[in-house]
Protein backbone atom coordinates (compact mmCIF):
# COMPACT_ATOMS: atom_id res chain seq x y z
CA MET A 1 23.58 -44.73 -7.61
CA GLU A 2 26.56 -47.07 -7.66
CA TRP A 3 26.48 -49.71 -10.37
CA LEU A 4 27.95 -53.11 -9.50
CA THR A 5 29.79 -55.39 -11.87
CA HIS A 6 28.85 -59.04 -12.24
CA SER A 7 31.81 -60.12 -10.06
CA GLN A 8 30.91 -57.56 -7.40
CA THR A 9 27.36 -58.90 -7.28
CA GLY A 10 28.71 -62.44 -6.88
CA PHE A 11 30.98 -61.38 -4.00
CA GLN A 12 28.09 -59.51 -2.40
CA GLN A 13 25.92 -62.64 -2.53
CA ALA A 14 28.77 -64.75 -1.12
CA ALA A 15 29.21 -62.45 1.91
CA ARG A 16 26.56 -64.22 3.97
CA TYR A 17 28.09 -67.64 3.33
CA LEU A 18 31.57 -66.42 4.23
CA LEU A 19 30.22 -64.92 7.45
CA SER A 20 28.53 -68.23 8.30
CA MET A 21 31.77 -70.14 7.70
CA ARG A 22 33.86 -67.78 9.79
CA LEU A 23 31.41 -67.61 12.69
CA ALA A 24 31.13 -71.41 12.62
CA VAL A 25 34.93 -71.65 12.86
CA VAL A 26 34.97 -69.18 15.77
CA GLY A 27 32.22 -71.10 17.53
CA LEU A 28 34.07 -74.36 17.07
CA GLN A 29 37.28 -72.82 18.41
CA LEU A 30 35.54 -71.42 21.49
CA THR A 31 33.85 -74.78 22.12
CA ALA A 32 37.20 -76.56 21.79
CA LEU A 33 38.77 -74.16 24.30
CA ALA A 34 35.94 -74.72 26.76
CA VAL A 35 36.14 -78.52 26.45
CA ALA A 36 39.95 -78.57 26.68
CA GLU A 37 39.85 -76.38 29.78
CA THR A 38 37.75 -78.99 31.58
CA VAL A 39 40.44 -81.62 30.99
CA VAL A 40 43.75 -79.75 31.11
CA THR A 41 45.02 -76.26 31.88
CA LEU A 42 45.96 -74.49 28.64
CA VAL A 43 49.19 -72.52 28.61
CA TYR A 44 47.98 -69.80 26.22
CA ARG A 45 44.29 -69.84 27.03
CA ALA A 46 43.92 -66.03 27.21
CA GLU A 47 45.83 -65.49 23.96
CA ALA A 48 43.81 -68.16 22.11
CA LEU A 49 40.56 -66.68 23.45
CA ALA A 50 41.57 -63.17 22.38
CA LEU A 51 42.44 -64.44 18.90
CA CYS A 52 39.01 -66.09 18.61
CA LEU A 53 37.28 -62.84 19.53
CA LEU A 54 39.45 -60.92 17.07
CA TYR A 55 38.51 -63.42 14.35
CA GLY A 56 34.81 -62.91 15.10
CA VAL A 57 35.13 -59.12 14.90
CA LEU A 58 37.07 -59.29 11.62
CA ALA A 59 34.50 -61.73 10.21
CA THR A 60 31.70 -59.26 10.95
CA LEU A 61 33.66 -56.37 9.45
CA GLY A 62 34.38 -58.46 6.35
CA TRP A 63 30.66 -59.19 5.98
CA LEU A 64 29.82 -55.47 6.20
CA TRP A 65 32.53 -54.68 3.65
CA PHE A 66 31.36 -57.32 1.17
CA THR A 67 27.71 -56.28 1.56
CA ARG A 68 28.00 -52.51 1.35
CA ARG A 69 31.10 -52.04 -0.79
CA PRO A 70 31.85 -55.33 -2.54
CA PRO A 71 35.41 -55.61 -3.90
CA ARG A 72 35.98 -54.94 -7.57
CA SER A 73 38.60 -57.64 -8.06
CA PRO A 74 39.16 -61.17 -6.72
CA SER A 75 42.50 -60.10 -5.22
CA SER A 76 40.73 -58.51 -2.24
CA VAL A 77 38.76 -61.71 -1.68
CA SER A 78 41.96 -63.77 -1.84
CA ALA A 79 43.57 -61.43 0.69
CA GLY A 80 40.63 -61.97 3.04
CA LEU A 81 40.87 -65.75 2.69
CA ALA A 82 44.63 -65.56 3.30
CA LEU A 83 43.87 -63.65 6.50
CA ASP A 84 41.53 -66.51 7.45
CA LEU A 85 44.42 -68.94 7.08
CA VAL A 86 46.65 -66.69 9.20
CA LEU A 87 44.09 -66.34 12.01
CA ILE A 88 43.20 -70.05 12.04
CA GLY A 89 46.90 -70.96 11.89
CA GLY A 90 47.72 -68.54 14.71
CA TRP A 91 45.02 -70.06 16.91
CA LEU A 92 46.30 -73.55 16.12
CA PHE A 93 49.86 -72.42 16.97
CA LEU A 94 48.67 -71.40 20.45
CA THR A 95 46.75 -74.64 21.01
CA GLY A 96 49.13 -77.41 20.05
CA GLY A 97 49.90 -76.85 16.36
CA TYR A 98 49.54 -79.90 14.14
CA THR A 99 48.62 -82.04 17.16
CA ASN A 100 45.38 -80.07 17.52
CA PRO A 101 42.54 -82.12 15.99
CA LEU A 102 41.06 -78.92 14.55
CA VAL A 103 43.98 -78.49 12.18
CA SER A 104 41.79 -79.50 9.22
CA LEU A 105 39.97 -76.16 9.57
CA LEU A 106 42.73 -74.83 7.31
CA LEU A 107 40.94 -76.59 4.44
CA LEU A 108 37.83 -74.38 4.65
CA PRO A 109 39.31 -71.12 3.25
CA ILE A 110 41.01 -73.15 0.52
CA ALA A 111 37.70 -74.81 -0.46
CA VAL A 112 35.96 -71.42 -0.64
CA ALA A 113 38.85 -69.96 -2.65
CA ILE A 114 38.51 -72.69 -5.28
CA ILE A 115 34.95 -71.47 -5.94
CA LEU A 116 35.27 -67.70 -5.60
CA VAL A 117 38.66 -66.67 -6.97
CA PRO A 118 40.60 -67.45 -10.18
CA LEU A 119 42.65 -70.61 -10.49
CA SER A 120 46.02 -68.90 -10.06
CA GLN A 121 44.97 -67.25 -6.80
CA SER A 122 43.35 -70.43 -5.49
CA ILE A 123 46.59 -72.33 -6.19
CA ALA A 124 48.53 -69.64 -4.30
CA LEU A 125 46.14 -69.93 -1.32
CA THR A 126 46.46 -73.72 -1.39
CA LEU A 127 50.25 -73.46 -1.26
CA PHE A 128 49.94 -70.91 1.53
CA GLY A 129 47.71 -73.30 3.49
CA ILE A 130 50.23 -76.14 3.03
CA ALA A 131 52.99 -73.79 4.20
CA ALA A 132 50.95 -72.85 7.28
CA TYR A 133 50.45 -76.54 8.12
CA THR A 134 54.18 -77.15 7.66
CA VAL A 135 55.02 -74.30 10.00
CA LEU A 136 52.67 -75.79 12.61
CA VAL A 137 54.50 -79.11 12.32
CA ILE A 138 57.89 -77.50 12.89
CA TRP A 139 56.97 -74.78 15.39
CA HIS A 140 54.09 -74.94 17.85
CA THR A 141 53.47 -74.34 21.52
CA PRO A 142 52.60 -77.12 23.97
CA ILE A 143 49.02 -77.41 25.15
CA THR A 144 49.95 -77.69 28.81
CA ASN A 145 53.01 -77.72 31.00
CA GLU A 146 51.70 -80.76 32.86
CA HIS A 147 51.67 -84.32 31.58
CA HIS A 148 48.22 -85.82 31.01
CA ASN A 149 48.98 -88.21 28.20
CA ALA A 150 45.88 -90.38 28.62
CA ASN A 151 43.53 -87.46 28.82
CA LEU A 152 45.18 -85.73 25.86
CA ALA A 153 44.98 -88.87 23.72
CA GLN A 154 41.26 -89.28 24.39
CA LEU A 155 40.69 -85.58 23.85
CA HIS A 156 42.55 -85.72 20.54
CA LEU A 157 40.49 -88.67 19.27
CA ALA A 158 37.22 -87.06 20.26
CA GLY A 159 38.36 -83.79 18.69
CA MET A 160 39.16 -85.53 15.42
CA TRP A 161 35.60 -86.86 15.19
CA VAL A 162 34.09 -83.47 16.03
CA THR A 163 36.37 -81.75 13.54
CA PHE A 164 35.42 -84.13 10.76
CA ALA A 165 31.69 -83.72 11.44
CA MET A 166 31.87 -79.92 11.70
CA THR A 167 34.09 -79.56 8.63
CA ALA A 168 31.76 -81.74 6.57
CA ALA A 169 28.74 -79.73 7.74
CA ILE A 170 30.41 -76.40 6.97
CA LEU A 171 31.50 -77.60 3.54
CA LEU A 172 27.96 -78.79 2.81
CA LEU A 173 26.29 -75.58 3.95
CA VAL A 174 28.78 -72.98 2.75
CA VAL A 175 30.62 -74.47 -0.21
CA GLY A 176 27.55 -76.41 -1.35
CA SER A 177 25.39 -73.27 -1.23
CA LEU A 178 27.97 -71.29 -3.18
CA ALA A 179 28.21 -74.04 -5.78
CA ARG A 180 24.41 -74.16 -6.18
CA ARG A 181 24.27 -70.40 -6.57
CA LEU A 182 26.96 -70.52 -9.24
CA ARG A 183 25.04 -73.23 -11.10
CA GLN A 184 21.92 -71.08 -10.97
CA GLN A 185 23.85 -68.14 -12.39
CA GLN A 186 25.18 -70.34 -15.18
CA GLU A 187 21.63 -71.45 -16.00
CA GLN A 188 20.49 -67.82 -16.04
CA LEU A 189 23.34 -66.89 -18.36
CA SER A 190 22.43 -69.79 -20.64
CA THR A 191 18.82 -68.61 -20.74
CA ILE A 192 19.94 -65.05 -21.51
CA ARG A 193 22.13 -66.30 -24.35
CA GLU A 194 19.24 -68.29 -25.84
CA THR A 195 16.92 -65.30 -25.52
CA ARG A 196 19.49 -63.07 -27.21
CA LEU A 197 19.85 -65.48 -30.13
CA ARG A 198 16.08 -65.62 -30.48
CA ASP A 199 15.85 -61.82 -30.38
CA GLU A 200 18.49 -61.56 -33.10
CA GLN A 201 16.38 -63.84 -35.30
CA ILE A 202 13.32 -61.71 -34.57
CA ILE A 203 15.21 -58.52 -35.44
CA ALA A 204 16.31 -60.06 -38.74
CA LEU A 205 12.74 -61.05 -39.55
CA GLY A 206 11.50 -57.62 -38.52
CA LEU A 207 13.97 -55.86 -40.80
CA SER A 208 12.91 -58.10 -43.69
CA ALA A 209 9.24 -57.43 -42.97
CA ALA A 210 9.83 -53.67 -42.82
CA ALA A 211 11.65 -53.75 -46.15
CA VAL A 212 8.85 -55.76 -47.79
CA ALA A 213 6.20 -53.45 -46.32
CA HIS A 214 8.03 -50.43 -47.74
CA ARG A 215 8.18 -52.01 -51.19
CA LEU A 216 4.52 -53.08 -51.15
CA GLY A 217 3.26 -49.52 -50.72
CA THR A 218 3.82 -48.51 -54.35
CA PRO A 219 2.20 -51.63 -55.96
CA LEU A 220 -0.86 -51.27 -53.70
CA ASN A 221 -1.32 -47.64 -54.68
CA THR A 222 -0.92 -48.57 -58.34
CA MET A 223 -3.53 -51.34 -58.07
CA THR A 224 -5.96 -48.96 -56.32
CA LEU A 225 -5.64 -46.49 -59.20
CA LEU A 226 -6.15 -49.31 -61.71
CA VAL A 227 -9.35 -50.39 -59.94
CA ASP A 228 -10.74 -46.86 -60.22
CA GLU A 229 -9.74 -46.67 -63.88
CA ILE A 230 -11.32 -50.05 -64.70
CA ARG A 231 -14.55 -49.04 -62.92
CA SER A 232 -14.80 -45.85 -64.97
CA THR A 233 -13.84 -47.54 -68.25
CA PHE A 234 -16.09 -50.63 -67.92
CA PRO A 235 -19.34 -49.69 -66.14
CA ASP A 236 -20.50 -53.31 -65.83
CA PRO A 237 -22.66 -54.08 -62.72
CA ASP A 238 -21.26 -57.61 -62.41
CA LEU A 239 -17.72 -56.31 -62.72
CA ALA A 240 -18.44 -53.52 -60.24
CA ASP A 241 -19.05 -56.02 -57.44
CA ASP A 242 -15.72 -57.72 -58.10
CA LEU A 243 -13.96 -54.38 -58.27
CA SER A 244 -15.52 -53.32 -54.98
CA LEU A 245 -14.31 -56.52 -53.36
CA MET A 246 -10.84 -55.98 -54.80
CA GLU A 247 -10.83 -52.39 -53.56
CA GLN A 248 -11.86 -53.59 -50.11
CA GLN A 249 -9.04 -56.13 -50.02
CA LEU A 250 -6.51 -53.54 -51.19
CA GLY A 251 -7.67 -51.22 -48.43
CA LEU A 252 -7.28 -54.04 -45.95
CA CYS A 253 -3.70 -54.60 -47.15
CA SER A 254 -2.92 -50.91 -46.77
CA LYS A 255 -4.40 -50.96 -43.27
CA HIS A 256 -2.19 -53.92 -42.33
CA LEU A 257 0.90 -52.06 -43.57
CA GLN A 258 -0.07 -49.06 -41.44
CA GLN A 259 -0.54 -51.36 -38.45
CA LEU A 260 2.93 -52.78 -39.09
CA SER A 261 4.45 -49.30 -38.81
CA SER A 262 2.45 -48.41 -35.71
CA SER A 263 3.35 -51.75 -34.11
CA ALA A 264 7.05 -51.08 -34.70
CA ILE A 265 6.75 -47.67 -33.01
CA GLN A 266 4.75 -49.17 -30.15
CA ALA A 267 7.27 -51.96 -29.63
CA LYS A 268 10.15 -49.46 -29.71
CA THR A 269 8.59 -47.36 -26.94
CA ALA A 270 7.39 -50.47 -25.02
CA GLN A 271 3.82 -49.13 -24.77
CA LEU A 272 1.29 -51.56 -23.35
CA GLU A 273 -2.46 -51.03 -23.36
CA SER A 274 -4.56 -52.28 -20.45
CA LEU A 275 -7.84 -53.68 -21.79
CA ARG A 276 -10.76 -55.58 -20.35
CA ILE A 277 -10.81 -59.14 -21.60
CA PRO A 278 -14.25 -58.75 -23.28
CA ASP A 279 -13.02 -55.67 -25.18
CA TRP A 280 -9.81 -57.40 -26.23
CA VAL A 281 -11.66 -60.51 -27.43
CA ALA A 282 -14.12 -58.32 -29.35
CA ARG A 283 -11.21 -56.57 -31.07
CA LEU A 284 -9.64 -59.91 -31.98
CA ARG A 285 -12.97 -61.19 -33.25
CA GLU A 286 -13.41 -58.13 -35.46
CA SER A 287 -9.91 -58.51 -36.92
CA ALA A 288 -10.46 -62.23 -37.56
CA THR A 289 -13.79 -61.51 -39.29
CA LEU A 290 -12.13 -58.99 -41.61
CA LEU A 291 -9.35 -61.44 -42.45
CA TRP A 292 -11.50 -64.56 -42.82
CA PRO A 293 -15.13 -63.52 -43.35
CA ALA A 294 -16.39 -67.08 -43.90
CA ALA A 295 -14.13 -68.84 -41.40
CA PRO A 296 -15.92 -71.26 -39.03
CA ILE A 297 -14.50 -69.79 -35.81
CA GLU A 298 -16.55 -70.36 -32.66
CA TRP A 299 -15.97 -67.62 -30.10
CA SER A 300 -17.00 -68.49 -26.56
CA GLU A 301 -19.43 -66.03 -25.00
CA ALA A 302 -18.25 -66.81 -21.44
CA VAL A 303 -15.38 -64.34 -21.03
CA PRO A 304 -13.89 -63.37 -17.62
CA ASP A 305 -14.19 -59.71 -16.68
CA CYS A 306 -10.56 -58.87 -15.88
CA ARG A 307 -7.84 -56.84 -17.54
CA VAL A 308 -4.80 -57.78 -19.61
CA ALA A 309 -1.85 -55.72 -20.88
CA VAL A 310 -1.61 -56.04 -24.68
CA ASP A 311 -0.15 -54.35 -27.70
CA ALA A 312 -0.57 -54.72 -31.44
CA THR A 313 2.12 -57.41 -31.63
CA LEU A 314 0.13 -59.63 -29.26
CA ASP A 315 -2.96 -59.26 -31.42
CA GLN A 316 -0.92 -60.31 -34.43
CA ALA A 317 0.46 -63.29 -32.50
CA ILE A 318 -3.07 -64.51 -31.71
CA LEU A 319 -4.13 -63.99 -35.32
CA ASN A 320 -1.10 -66.01 -36.47
CA LEU A 321 -2.22 -68.89 -34.26
CA LEU A 322 -5.74 -68.60 -35.66
CA ALA A 323 -4.33 -68.69 -39.19
CA ASN A 324 -2.41 -71.88 -38.38
CA ALA A 325 -5.52 -73.43 -36.85
CA LEU A 326 -7.66 -72.56 -39.90
CA THR A 327 -5.03 -73.97 -42.23
CA ALA A 328 -4.92 -77.27 -40.34
CA SER A 329 -8.67 -77.43 -39.68
CA PRO A 330 -10.73 -75.43 -42.23
CA SER A 331 -14.03 -76.83 -40.92
CA TRP A 332 -13.86 -75.89 -37.22
CA VAL A 333 -11.84 -73.68 -34.87
CA ALA A 334 -12.85 -72.66 -31.36
CA VAL A 335 -11.53 -69.81 -29.19
CA SER A 336 -12.20 -69.45 -25.47
CA VAL A 337 -10.76 -67.46 -22.55
CA ARG A 338 -10.64 -68.55 -18.92
CA CYS A 339 -9.04 -67.48 -15.66
CA ALA A 340 -6.20 -69.58 -14.26
CA GLU A 341 -4.43 -69.65 -10.92
CA SER A 342 -2.09 -66.94 -9.61
CA SER A 343 -3.68 -64.06 -11.56
CA ARG A 344 -3.16 -65.70 -14.95
CA ILE A 345 -5.36 -65.70 -18.05
CA GLU A 346 -5.51 -68.52 -20.58
CA MET A 347 -6.73 -68.14 -24.16
CA VAL A 348 -7.38 -71.53 -25.75
CA VAL A 349 -7.40 -72.08 -29.54
CA GLU A 350 -8.69 -75.53 -30.55
CA ASP A 351 -8.96 -77.20 -33.95
CA HIS A 352 -9.44 -80.67 -35.43
CA GLY A 353 -6.22 -80.75 -37.42
CA ASP A 354 -2.80 -82.28 -36.82
CA GLY A 355 -0.69 -80.03 -39.01
CA LEU A 356 1.54 -78.95 -36.11
CA GLU A 357 2.18 -82.39 -34.66
CA ASP A 358 5.78 -82.55 -35.89
CA ALA A 359 6.48 -78.98 -34.86
CA LEU A 360 5.14 -79.58 -31.34
CA GLN A 361 7.48 -82.45 -30.50
CA LYS A 362 9.52 -79.75 -28.74
CA THR A 363 8.35 -76.57 -27.05
CA PRO A 364 6.13 -74.74 -29.57
CA GLY A 365 7.68 -71.71 -31.18
CA GLU A 366 11.22 -72.31 -29.95
CA GLN A 367 12.52 -72.57 -33.50
CA ILE A 368 11.35 -71.83 -37.03
CA VAL A 369 9.57 -74.82 -38.54
CA GLY A 370 8.87 -75.81 -42.09
CA SER A 371 5.47 -74.98 -43.58
CA GLU A 372 3.87 -76.03 -46.85
CA ASN A 373 1.35 -73.17 -46.86
CA GLY A 374 3.40 -70.32 -45.44
CA LEU A 375 6.80 -69.07 -44.45
CA GLY A 376 6.96 -71.13 -41.25
CA VAL A 377 7.78 -68.17 -38.98
CA GLY A 378 4.32 -67.39 -37.60
CA LEU A 379 4.50 -69.78 -34.67
CA PHE A 380 8.06 -68.67 -33.87
CA LEU A 381 7.11 -64.97 -33.82
CA SER A 382 3.93 -65.63 -31.85
CA ASN A 383 5.83 -67.48 -29.14
CA ALA A 384 8.48 -64.73 -28.94
CA THR A 385 5.80 -62.03 -28.58
CA ILE A 386 3.92 -63.94 -25.88
CA GLN A 387 7.13 -64.54 -23.91
CA ARG A 388 8.07 -60.86 -24.17
CA LEU A 389 4.81 -59.96 -22.40
CA GLY A 390 5.46 -62.43 -19.58
CA GLY A 391 3.35 -65.28 -20.98
CA THR A 392 3.93 -68.79 -22.23
CA LEU A 393 2.68 -70.77 -25.21
CA LYS A 394 1.66 -74.37 -24.54
CA ALA A 395 0.31 -76.97 -26.94
CA ARG A 396 -1.32 -80.37 -26.91
CA VAL A 397 -1.95 -82.75 -29.81
CA ASP A 398 -4.31 -85.73 -29.41
CA GLN A 399 -6.77 -87.73 -31.49
CA HIS A 400 -9.26 -84.85 -31.41
CA GLY A 401 -6.89 -82.26 -32.83
CA THR A 402 -4.53 -79.53 -31.68
CA THR A 403 -5.00 -77.24 -28.67
CA MET A 404 -2.90 -74.09 -28.26
CA ILE A 405 -2.96 -72.39 -24.83
CA ILE A 406 -1.74 -68.81 -24.50
CA ASP A 407 -1.00 -68.15 -20.82
CA LEU A 408 -0.81 -64.44 -19.96
CA PRO A 409 -0.55 -62.47 -16.71
CA GLU A 410 -3.25 -60.05 -15.65
CA ALA A 411 -2.59 -56.35 -16.14
CA ARG A 412 -1.87 -55.81 -12.43
CA ALA A 413 0.87 -58.45 -12.44
CA VAL A 414 2.42 -57.03 -15.62
CA ASN A 415 2.48 -53.51 -14.20
CA ALA A 416 4.06 -54.75 -10.97
CA ASN A 417 6.82 -56.55 -12.91
CA MET A 418 7.49 -53.50 -15.06
CA GLY A 419 7.72 -51.31 -11.95
CA ALA A 420 10.15 -53.72 -10.32
CA ASN A 421 12.43 -53.68 -13.37
CA ARG A 422 12.72 -49.86 -13.41
């Protein structure tokens, strides 16, 4: 498999536009020859016609070259545009030189060069185009051996209008399309840069979390041993209940540390698990109950029966959103799941608080926000995880509270995207 550079891909995409420009020029030249032949008898009609056909053949060959084996450097593209100037200039030389109203066709290769090739080469092509025009002013062949001044004047004026209209149309279609494609590529590069910066922040947070998890292992083991020692030293029934609760919480902390390690391995290998929505919601509900046994979370019973691709990091992202909702609204939080359009699934987390109103003035999770009750990174990490799985995080704050909407693709859509990226 042949790997293409970024510039090669750009030249490959520009091949169709260059072919359109060149074929439009050939068509305009053939039309001009046909119209001129009805008015006057051209001296070099056969030569001009042969040059038009040669230009069309070379345009097709250039398109095949750009498409199948795109050039590795802009020099080849500049050479092709210089050949355009030579062929257009040669046709103009045979059909009246600078007196031909189609002489402004020399501007088209220069306009394309300004977009596709570096500045130094585009300047060289511009100077070459000016030199070609100068040569046509000094040396050119007559259109006809006969004198038809009136007819030639009218033909020249009509040709100037046609040339202006066709040149404007070609510039709009070809150069405009190339410019729009370049703007789209710049936007994509900007998005990639932003994603890379966000990923670097996530990596830094992940390294810090891994270091903290490693350090917490020893204190948790020590506290577990102390609980057993206190239970054996002080056999008090009232104290035993508290010690059992403490032991349960320590076990829960150890379980979370193990999940952190397994999540890191799962994220490294990019393993996704396809689950039915009811099973996934039940797993989330069980985790939330273990974390907040007395939390007033209302789980909707109406759950769509479809599948979603998840991993442990997505579960943690949902739990982070639930933690934010419970912090802002300790009295009521509701969770529901519904089907959306285009094979999408929406999980909605509602609360009666307004703790995230300042953070949601921009897109939620796009940056780390301040938090009085936590580290302020939960929303940022949740949004990054949801985006990594092809979803989006939306939010709405009104007089009733805050609503967080997690939009995720169905498992079939996720698998199709993963297969396309391989």
